[in-house]
Amino acid sequence: MSAALATRVGALELANPVMAASGTFGYGLDLIEFCPPERLGGIVSKGLSPRPRIGNPTPRIVETAAGMINAIGLQNIGVEAFCRDALPQLRGRGATVAVNVFGERMEEYVAVIDRCEREAGVAAYELNVSCPNVTAGGIEFGHDAAQLERLTAMCRARTARQLWVKLSPNAPDLVGTARAAVAGGADALSLINTFRAMAIDADLRRPVLATTCGGLSGPAIKPLALRMVWEVHRALPDVPLVGIGGIESGRDAAEFLLAGASAVQVGTAIFRDPRAPLRILDELAAFCAERGVADVKELIGGLRCR
């Protein structure tokens, strides 16, 4: 018996629960030969700002024992180039596209959304308020509940499309910021982004990254991400969640669904295996079939706590 794999994140219907995370799948076209974007539940674009950004100086990526630390600094081609060059191709392929939105000021988030509103083929916006490796914007909003509610409300007023907020695990009160995003009009929450971290070259006695610190991702953060998804789901059981953090297998994806996520995003695993999202999807389907799960939605929030 094969399981039904369709799921919903708020009002957005996805063919399956496996998405590609922002910053790990380019603009949805880079890995077509390995992982066609239309075969996934959806793809989240690399974070877009109103104008192109060159990001941080190099070195800005370092491997760790169980993942990686990045300090890319939200390098991107800008929203105009994305709408002109990438979005039409994604639309033509029938991919479900969520646009990750970034700004140093609230008005820049609004500017990105306003530009995308002129285009067909955008299913959702994901507000990046949680990147730990930029010096202005983003993380400031994600750590301050009042600012986050205001930012979300400003973006909500500009679109009828689905609006997600990507939360920071570094925030002093994760549930508090989750409540603020929902109060501002978020349809769903993505969690989590990377953890602030660093690597040191002991021979040179210097930080490995040019920016000293960056964001830790990969299997090392999975237990923390699971706990945070579960905590937010327990506090806000009616709010749709998208789980992110160290997902390497179908079983990992199932764990996030059980913790309360309606879908998941695969990130760091793609750097090692560009086919990872499709492999994880196949493994999730097999996980359900082997356990007699007829519909993947049966897993959502199904954790049995003692």
Foldseek 3Di string as FASTA:
>chain_A
DFAQAWFDQQPRIFSHFEEAEAPFCAQQPPLCVQARQQVGSAYEHHEAWQAFDQFDDPPAWDADPFFIFGQRRSGDHHLVCCQVPPQVVCVVVVHAYEYEYWDLDLVRSQSSLLVCVVDPRHQEYEYQLAFPRHDGGRVVCQQDLVSVLVSLLSNVVRDPHAYEYEHYPPHPDRLSNVVSNVNSPHQAYEDYWFDKDWDADVVVRGTNGPSRIGGTAAQVCLVVQLVSLLVNCVVPVVRAYEGEGHDQALVSQLSSQLSAHRHYHYGRNCVVPVNRSVRRRVRVRVVCVVVVNRYSNVSHNNDDDD
